[in-house]
Amino acid sequence: MNQPWPRPAASDVEPEPATSAALADAASSDAALVERARRGDRAAFDALHQKHARAVHGLLLAHVAPHDADDLLQEVFLTAWRRLETLRELESFVPWLLAIARHAAFGAGRRARDGGRTAASLAAGLGLGSEPASRPLDATADGTEILRLMVELPEAYRETLALRLIEGLSGQEIADATGLTHGSVRVNLHRGMQLLRERLRQEGYA
């Protein structure tokens, strides 16, 4: 596994809600790819990476700084490649992969602190105004501040917010990746946004 895993590209397309049959087909497809990858098929594992890198990257961003998430993304997939034989239920590849990502993030012992392009996308995703209520006129609630506050939210909220606002995953895609129901994802996003906006108001932003 010498090839570095690139940062996933965000998607602007909001897919149609998946049916139960479609979800079963997706899990079956993952299982088939995992089985092939276990036999040494690199292309099969590359296909798994292409399908799930955005979800892994979004989860990492809920726990670590953006530049650390980029580094850990490669580490997570390398670990998954080496440990494929330990996966008992092939249909559970995605929850297993995200568990590896959480472990990598917690092991790093770092919190998200910097901004860059990821932070700017957060500000745009939240649709925030540029003038805070009680700060100098040149102070803005930019993505750096939003990201700092977001990673202080409860884990369930910050993970779903990162997957939605940064990686652009739909509610159904988040549900598929995390194992939550679509309704739970909607609740987490709604409550997470409320908490985040409240924290911003406490910081003096409109």
Foldseek 3Di string as FASTA:
>chain_A
DPDFQAQADADPDADDFDDPVRLVVVLVLQLVLLVVLVVVPVVSLVVVCNVCLLLLLLLLLLQAANVVSRVVSRVLSVVCSVCSVVDDRSSCSLQVSNVSSVVSSVVVVHGHADAPPQLQLLCVLLVFDAAFQPDPRNDGCTRRVLSRLLSVDPSLLSSLSSSCRRRNHHLNRNCSNNVNDSVVSVVSPVVSSVVSVVVSVVVRGD
